[in-house]
Amino acid sequence: MNPEGLAFPEQKPRYPQPFAEIMACYRPVQEFEIERPASLDDYVVAPLTAYEFGWISHGRVSKLYPGH
């Protein structure tokens, strides 16, 4: 879900996104246009996903996403 599903939800403007979040299959290149990255090098793990995987602590993710 936007903006959490974007690799860089804090980016202003939000589009284009240079990478796809690892839990996604596509990345937005414009507000209503998406593309599939060509390789795994084009993906990132966003902080919220890293927390859900148990890779970062709750304290670290709550600083990035207040309310989580």
PDB file of N, CA and C in Angstrom:
ATOM      1  N   MET A   1       0.848  -1.186   0.000  1.00  0.00           N
ATOM      2  CA  MET A   1       0.000   0.000   0.000  1.00  0.00           C
ATOM      3  C   MET A   1       0.882   1.234   0.000  1.00  0.00           C
ATOM      4  N   ASN A   2       0.457   2.234  -0.716  1.00  0.00           N
ATOM      5  CA  ASN A   2       1.200   3.493  -0.734  1.00  0.00           C
ATOM      6  C   ASN A   2       0.917   4.279   0.528  1.00  0.00           C
ATOM      7  N   PRO A   3       1.876   4.981   1.128  1.00  0.00           N
ATOM      8  CA  PRO A   3       3.242   5.074   0.607  1.00  0.00           C
ATOM      9  C   PRO A   3       4.164   3.985   1.126  1.00  0.00           C
ATOM     10  N   GLU A   4       3.730   3.142   2.070  1.00  0.00           N
ATOM     11  CA  GLU A   4       4.635   2.166   2.671  1.00  0.00           C
ATOM     12  C   GLU A   4       5.162   1.150   1.670  1.00  0.00           C
ATOM     13  N   GLY A   5       4.422   0.868   0.614  1.00  0.00           N
ATOM     14  CA  GLY A   5       4.870  -0.110  -0.368  1.00  0.00           C
ATOM     15  C   GLY A   5       5.916   0.411  -1.335  1.00  0.00           C
ATOM     16  N   LEU A   6       6.225   1.695  -1.272  1.00  0.00           N
ATOM     17  CA  LEU A   6       7.255   2.246  -2.138  1.00  0.00           C
ATOM     18  C   LEU A   6       8.621   2.035  -1.509  1.00  0.00           C
ATOM     19  N   ALA A   7       9.632   1.882  -2.338  1.00  0.00           N
ATOM     20  CA  ALA A   7      10.986   1.718  -1.819  1.00  0.00           C
ATOM     21  C   ALA A   7      11.414   2.950  -1.031  1.00  0.00           C
ATOM     22  N   PHE A   8      11.014   4.127  -1.476  1.00  0.00           N
ATOM     23  CA  PHE A   8      11.361   5.380  -0.810  1.00  0.00           C
ATOM     24  C   PHE A   8      10.092   6.206  -0.578  1.00  0.00           C
ATOM     25  N   PRO A   9       9.272   5.838   0.419  1.00  0.00           N
ATOM     26  CA  PRO A   9       8.001   6.539   0.616  1.00  0.00           C
ATOM     27  C   PRO A   9       8.158   8.000   0.983  1.00  0.00           C
ATOM     28  N   GLU A  10       9.323   8.387   1.527  1.00  0.00           N
ATOM     29  CA  GLU A  10       9.548   9.780   1.918  1.00  0.00           C
ATOM     30  C   GLU A  10       9.995  10.656   0.750  1.00  0.00           C
ATOM     31  N   GLN A  11      10.260  10.058  -0.401  1.00  0.00           N
ATOM     32  CA  GLN A  11      10.743  10.801  -1.565  1.00  0.00           C
ATOM     33  C   GLN A  11       9.726  11.850  -2.011  1.00  0.00           C
ATOM     34  N   LYS A  12      10.201  13.055  -2.276  1.00  0.00           N
ATOM     35  CA  LYS A  12       9.348  14.138  -2.779  1.00  0.00           C
ATOM     36  C   LYS A  12       9.915  14.640  -4.097  1.00  0.00           C
ATOM     37  N   PRO A  13       9.185  14.618  -5.187  1.00  0.00           N
ATOM     38  CA  PRO A  13       7.915  13.931  -5.356  1.00  0.00           C
ATOM     39  C   PRO A  13       8.100  12.422  -5.271  1.00  0.00           C
ATOM     40  N   ARG A  14       7.039  11.675  -5.008  1.00  0.00           N
ATOM     41  CA  ARG A  14       7.131  10.226  -4.809  1.00  0.00           C
ATOM     42  C   ARG A  14       7.539   9.467  -6.060  1.00  0.00           C
ATOM     43  N   TYR A  15       7.331  10.049  -7.224  1.00  0.00           N
ATOM     44  CA  TYR A  15       7.599   9.349  -8.481  1.00  0.00           C
ATOM     45  C   TYR A  15       8.600  10.133  -9.299  1.00  0.00           C
ATOM     46  N   PRO A  16       9.490   9.479 -10.033  1.00  0.00           N
ATOM     47  CA  PRO A  16       9.635   8.036 -10.156  1.00  0.00           C
ATOM     48  C   PRO A  16      10.414   7.450  -8.984  1.00  0.00           C
ATOM     49  N   GLN A  17      10.223   6.173  -8.731  1.00  0.00           N
ATOM     50  CA  GLN A  17      10.980   5.446  -7.717  1.00  0.00           C
ATOM     51  C   GLN A  17      12.109   4.698  -8.442  1.00  0.00           C
ATOM     52  N   PRO A  18      13.367   4.865  -8.013  1.00  0.00           N
ATOM     53  CA  PRO A  18      14.472   4.222  -8.723  1.00  0.00           C
ATOM     54  C   PRO A  18      14.581   2.725  -8.454  1.00  0.00           C
ATOM     55  N   PHE A  19      13.930   2.239  -7.407  1.00  0.00           N
ATOM     56  CA  PHE A  19      13.999   0.824  -7.064  1.00  0.00           C
ATOM     57  C   PHE A  19      12.606   0.318  -6.736  1.00  0.00           C
ATOM     58  N   ALA A  20      12.444  -0.994  -6.701  1.00  0.00           N
ATOM     59  CA  ALA A  20      11.199  -1.618  -6.263  1.00  0.00           C
ATOM     60  C   ALA A  20      11.429  -2.191  -4.876  1.00  0.00           C
ATOM     61  N   GLU A  21      10.449  -2.094  -4.005  1.00  0.00           N
ATOM     62  CA  GLU A  21      10.549  -2.689  -2.675  1.00  0.00           C
ATOM     63  C   GLU A  21      10.489  -4.201  -2.843  1.00  0.00           C
ATOM     64  N   ILE A  22      11.299  -4.934  -2.087  1.00  0.00           N
ATOM     65  CA  ILE A  22      11.482  -6.364  -2.313  1.00  0.00           C
ATOM     66  C   ILE A  22      10.176  -7.155  -2.258  1.00  0.00           C
ATOM     67  N   MET A  23       9.155  -6.684  -1.551  1.00  0.00           N
ATOM     68  CA  MET A  23       7.891  -7.399  -1.478  1.00  0.00           C
ATOM     69  C   MET A  23       6.990  -7.090  -2.673  1.00  0.00           C
ATOM     70  N   ALA A  24       7.443  -6.204  -3.538  1.00  0.00           N
ATOM     71  CA  ALA A  24       6.647  -5.814  -4.695  1.00  0.00           C
ATOM     72  C   ALA A  24       7.216  -6.459  -5.957  1.00  0.00           C
ATOM     73  N   CYS A  25       6.432  -6.498  -6.984  1.00  0.00           N
ATOM     74  CA  CYS A  25       6.873  -7.057  -8.254  1.00  0.00           C
ATOM     75  C   CYS A  25       7.235  -5.942  -9.234  1.00  0.00           C
ATOM     76  N   TYR A  26       6.668  -4.766  -9.034  1.00  0.00           N
ATOM     77  CA  TYR A  26       6.859  -3.655  -9.955  1.00  0.00           C
ATOM     78  C   TYR A  26       7.298  -2.408  -9.206  1.00  0.00           C
ATOM     79  N   ARG A  27       7.809  -1.443  -9.932  1.00  0.00           N
ATOM     80  CA  ARG A  27       8.129  -0.147  -9.338  1.00  0.00           C
ATOM     81  C   ARG A  27       7.404   0.940 -10.129  1.00  0.00           C
ATOM     82  N   PRO A  28       6.943   1.989  -9.453  1.00  0.00           N
ATOM     83  CA  PRO A  28       6.270   3.070 -10.162  1.00  0.00           C
ATOM     84  C   PRO A  28       7.277   3.968 -10.859  1.00  0.00           C
ATOM     85  N   VAL A  29       7.023   4.262 -12.109  1.00  0.00           N
ATOM     86  CA  VAL A  29       7.870   5.195 -12.847  1.00  0.00           C
ATOM     87  C   VAL A  29       7.167   6.530 -13.044  1.00  0.00           C
ATOM     88  N   GLN A  30       5.865   6.521 -12.947  1.00  0.00           N
ATOM     89  CA  GLN A  30       5.030   7.714 -12.911  1.00  0.00           C
ATOM     90  C   GLN A  30       3.867   7.383 -11.994  1.00  0.00           C
ATOM     91  N   GLU A  31       3.023   8.339 -11.706  1.00  0.00           N
ATOM     92  CA  GLU A  31       1.949   8.098 -10.754  1.00  0.00           C
ATOM     93  C   GLU A  31       1.041   6.939 -11.157  1.00  0.00           C
ATOM     94  N   PHE A  32       0.784   6.771 -12.438  1.00  0.00           N
ATOM     95  CA  PHE A  32      -0.093   5.684 -12.891  1.00  0.00           C
ATOM     96  C   PHE A  32       0.602   4.769 -13.893  1.00  0.00           C
ATOM     97  N   GLU A  33       1.913   4.624 -13.777  1.00  0.00           N
ATOM     98  CA  GLU A  33       2.676   3.773 -14.683  1.00  0.00           C
ATOM     99  C   GLU A  33       3.686   2.971 -13.869  1.00  0.00           C
ATOM    100  N   ILE A  34       3.758   1.669 -14.142  1.00  0.00           N
ATOM    101  CA  ILE A  34       4.684   0.803 -13.418  1.00  0.00           C
ATOM    102  C   ILE A  34       5.544   0.030 -14.413  1.00  0.00           C
ATOM    103  N   GLU A  35       6.675  -0.501 -13.911  1.00  0.00           N
ATOM    104  CA  GLU A  35       7.509  -1.368 -14.731  1.00  0.00           C
ATOM    105  C   GLU A  35       8.101  -2.449 -13.845  1.00  0.00           C
ATOM    106  N   ARG A  36       8.450  -3.551 -14.448  1.00  0.00           N
ATOM    107  CA  ARG A  36       9.075  -4.654 -13.723  1.00  0.00           C
ATOM    108  C   ARG A  36      10.592  -4.485 -13.816  1.00  0.00           C
ATOM    109  N   PRO A  37      11.292  -4.440 -12.695  1.00  0.00           N
ATOM    110  CA  PRO A  37      12.750  -4.318 -12.747  1.00  0.00           C
ATOM    111  C   PRO A  37      13.391  -5.509 -13.466  1.00  0.00           C
ATOM    112  N   ALA A  38      14.540  -5.267 -14.081  1.00  0.00           N
ATOM    113  CA  ALA A  38      15.211  -6.279 -14.892  1.00  0.00           C
ATOM    114  C   ALA A  38      16.002  -7.284 -14.051  1.00  0.00           C
ATOM    115  N   SER A  39      16.440  -6.883 -12.849  1.00  0.00           N
ATOM    116  CA  SER A  39      17.234  -7.802 -12.036  1.00  0.00           C
ATOM    117  C   SER A  39      17.008  -7.524 -10.553  1.00  0.00           C
ATOM    118  N   LEU A  40      17.489  -8.413  -9.695  1.00  0.00           N
ATOM    119  CA  LEU A  40      17.363  -8.220  -8.253  1.00  0.00           C
ATOM    120  C   LEU A  40      18.154  -7.015  -7.768  1.00  0.00           C
ATOM    121  N   ASP A  41      19.113  -6.546  -8.554  1.00  0.00           N
ATOM    122  CA  ASP A  41      19.854  -5.337  -8.197  1.00  0.00           C
ATOM    123  C   ASP A  41      18.961  -4.107  -8.168  1.00  0.00           C
ATOM    124  N   ASP A  42      17.799  -4.183  -8.801  1.00  0.00           N
ATOM    125  CA  ASP A  42      16.862  -3.066  -8.850  1.00  0.00           C
ATOM    126  C   ASP A  42      15.886  -3.056  -7.677  1.00  0.00           C
ATOM    127  N   TYR A  43      16.033  -3.983  -6.730  1.00  0.00           N
ATOM    128  CA  TYR A  43      15.132  -4.077  -5.580  1.00  0.00           C
ATOM    129  C   TYR A  43      15.826  -3.630  -4.299  1.00  0.00           C
ATOM    130  N   VAL A  44      15.041  -3.186  -3.331  1.00  0.00           N
ATOM    131  CA  VAL A  44      15.536  -2.848  -1.995  1.00  0.00           C
ATOM    132  C   VAL A  44      14.591  -3.456  -0.968  1.00  0.00           C
ATOM    133  N   VAL A  45      15.079  -3.593   0.258  1.00  0.00           N
ATOM    134  CA  VAL A  45      14.232  -3.989   1.372  1.00  0.00           C
ATOM    135  C   VAL A  45      13.952  -2.728   2.171  1.00  0.00           C
ATOM    136  N   ALA A  46      12.702  -2.306   2.201  1.00  0.00           N
ATOM    137  CA  ALA A  46      12.316  -1.110   2.943  1.00  0.00           C
ATOM    138  C   ALA A  46      12.360  -1.401   4.446  1.00  0.00           C
ATOM    139  N   PRO A  47      12.513  -0.363   5.277  1.00  0.00           N
ATOM    140  CA  PRO A  47      12.600  -0.579   6.726  1.00  0.00           C
ATOM    141  C   PRO A  47      11.422  -1.347   7.319  1.00  0.00           C
ATOM    142  N   LEU A  48      10.205  -1.064   6.877  1.00  0.00           N
ATOM    143  CA  LEU A  48       9.046  -1.759   7.432  1.00  0.00           C
ATOM    144  C   LEU A  48       9.085  -3.253   7.097  1.00  0.00           C
ATOM    145  N   THR A  49       9.494  -3.589   5.892  1.00  0.00           N
ATOM    146  CA  THR A  49       9.629  -4.999   5.516  1.00  0.00           C
ATOM    147  C   THR A  49      10.750  -5.650   6.317  1.00  0.00           C
ATOM    148  N   ALA A  50      11.863  -4.954   6.490  1.00  0.00           N
ATOM    149  CA  ALA A  50      12.976  -5.488   7.284  1.00  0.00           C
ATOM    150  C   ALA A  50      12.516  -5.771   8.714  1.00  0.00           C
ATOM    151  N   TYR A  51      11.692  -4.903   9.279  1.00  0.00           N
ATOM    152  CA  TYR A  51      11.151  -5.138  10.621  1.00  0.00           C
ATOM    153  C   TYR A  51      10.251  -6.383  10.627  1.00  0.00           C
ATOM    154  N   GLU A  52       9.383  -6.495   9.611  1.00  0.00           N
ATOM    155  CA  GLU A  52       8.485  -7.646   9.543  1.00  0.00           C
ATOM    156  C   GLU A  52       9.261  -8.953   9.394  1.00  0.00           C
ATOM    157  N   PHE A  53      10.415  -8.920   8.745  1.00  0.00           N
ATOM    158  CA  PHE A  53      11.278 -10.098   8.615  1.00  0.00           C
ATOM    159  C   PHE A  53      12.069 -10.363   9.892  1.00  0.00           C
ATOM    160  N   GLY A  54      12.083  -9.390  10.818  1.00  0.00           N
ATOM    161  CA  GLY A  54      12.860  -9.530  12.036  1.00  0.00           C
ATOM    162  C   GLY A  54      14.310  -9.109  11.883  1.00  0.00           C
ATOM    163  N   TRP A  55      14.608  -8.353  10.825  1.00  0.00           N
ATOM    164  CA  TRP A  55      15.980  -7.938  10.557  1.00  0.00           C
ATOM    165  C   TRP A  55      16.367  -6.675  11.306  1.00  0.00           C
ATOM    166  N   ILE A  56      15.392  -5.829  11.685  1.00  0.00           N
ATOM    167  CA  ILE A  56      15.680  -4.634  12.476  1.00  0.00           C
ATOM    168  C   ILE A  56      14.720  -4.592  13.659  1.00  0.00           C
ATOM    169  N   SER A  57      15.101  -3.843  14.680  1.00  0.00           N
ATOM    170  CA  SER A  57      14.325  -3.806  15.922  1.00  0.00           C
ATOM    171  C   SER A  57      13.083  -2.931  15.807  1.00  0.00           C
ATOM    172  N   HIS A  58      12.147  -3.151  16.725  1.00  0.00           N
ATOM    173  CA  HIS A  58      10.949  -2.327  16.785  1.00  0.00           C
ATOM    174  C   HIS A  58      11.317  -0.870  17.051  1.00  0.00           C
ATOM    175  N   GLY A  59      12.295  -0.631  17.916  1.00  0.00           N
ATOM    176  CA  GLY A  59      12.723   0.735  18.208  1.00  0.00           C
ATOM    177  C   GLY A  59      13.207   1.470  16.979  1.00  0.00           C
ATOM    178  N   ARG A  60      13.959   0.779  16.147  1.00  0.00           N
ATOM    179  CA  ARG A  60      14.469   1.417  14.924  1.00  0.00           C
ATOM    180  C   ARG A  60      13.351   1.717  13.947  1.00  0.00           C
ATOM    181  N   VAL A  61      12.428   0.773  13.750  1.00  0.00           N
ATOM    182  CA  VAL A  61      11.346   1.004  12.787  1.00  0.00           C
ATOM    183  C   VAL A  61      10.365   2.049  13.305  1.00  0.00           C
ATOM    184  N   SER A  62      10.132   2.122  14.625  1.00  0.00           N
ATOM    185  CA  SER A  62       9.191   3.112  15.144  1.00  0.00           C
ATOM    186  C   SER A  62       9.707   4.534  14.993  1.00  0.00           C
ATOM    187  N   LYS A  63      11.023   4.712  14.923  1.00  0.00           N
ATOM    188  CA  LYS A  63      11.589   6.040  14.646  1.00  0.00           C
ATOM    189  C   LYS A  63      11.320   6.446  13.207  1.00  0.00           C
ATOM    190  N   LEU A  64      11.321   5.474  12.309  1.00  0.00           N
ATOM    191  CA  LEU A  64      11.088   5.740  10.891  1.00  0.00           C
ATOM    192  C   LEU A  64       9.612   5.837  10.549  1.00  0.00           C
ATOM    193  N   TYR A  65       8.782   5.040  11.247  1.00  0.00           N
ATOM    194  CA  TYR A  65       7.353   4.994  10.996  1.00  0.00           C
ATOM    195  C   TYR A  65       6.610   5.181  12.316  1.00  0.00           C
ATOM    196  N   PRO A  66       6.458   6.400  12.786  1.00  0.00           N
ATOM    197  CA  PRO A  66       5.734   6.605  14.060  1.00  0.00           C
ATOM    198  C   PRO A  66       4.350   5.962  14.009  1.00  0.00           C
ATOM    199  N   GLY A  67       3.982   5.297  15.098  1.00  0.00           N
ATOM    200  CA  GLY A  67       2.706   4.629  15.148  1.00  0.00           C
ATOM    201  C   GLY A  67       2.789   3.129  14.906  1.00  0.00           C
ATOM    202  N   HIS A  68       3.959   2.638  14.478  1.00  0.00           N
ATOM    203  CA  HIS A  68       4.121   1.186  14.248  1.00  0.00           C
ATOM    204  C   HIS A  68       4.754   0.560  15.466  1.00  0.00           C
TER     205      HIS A  68
END
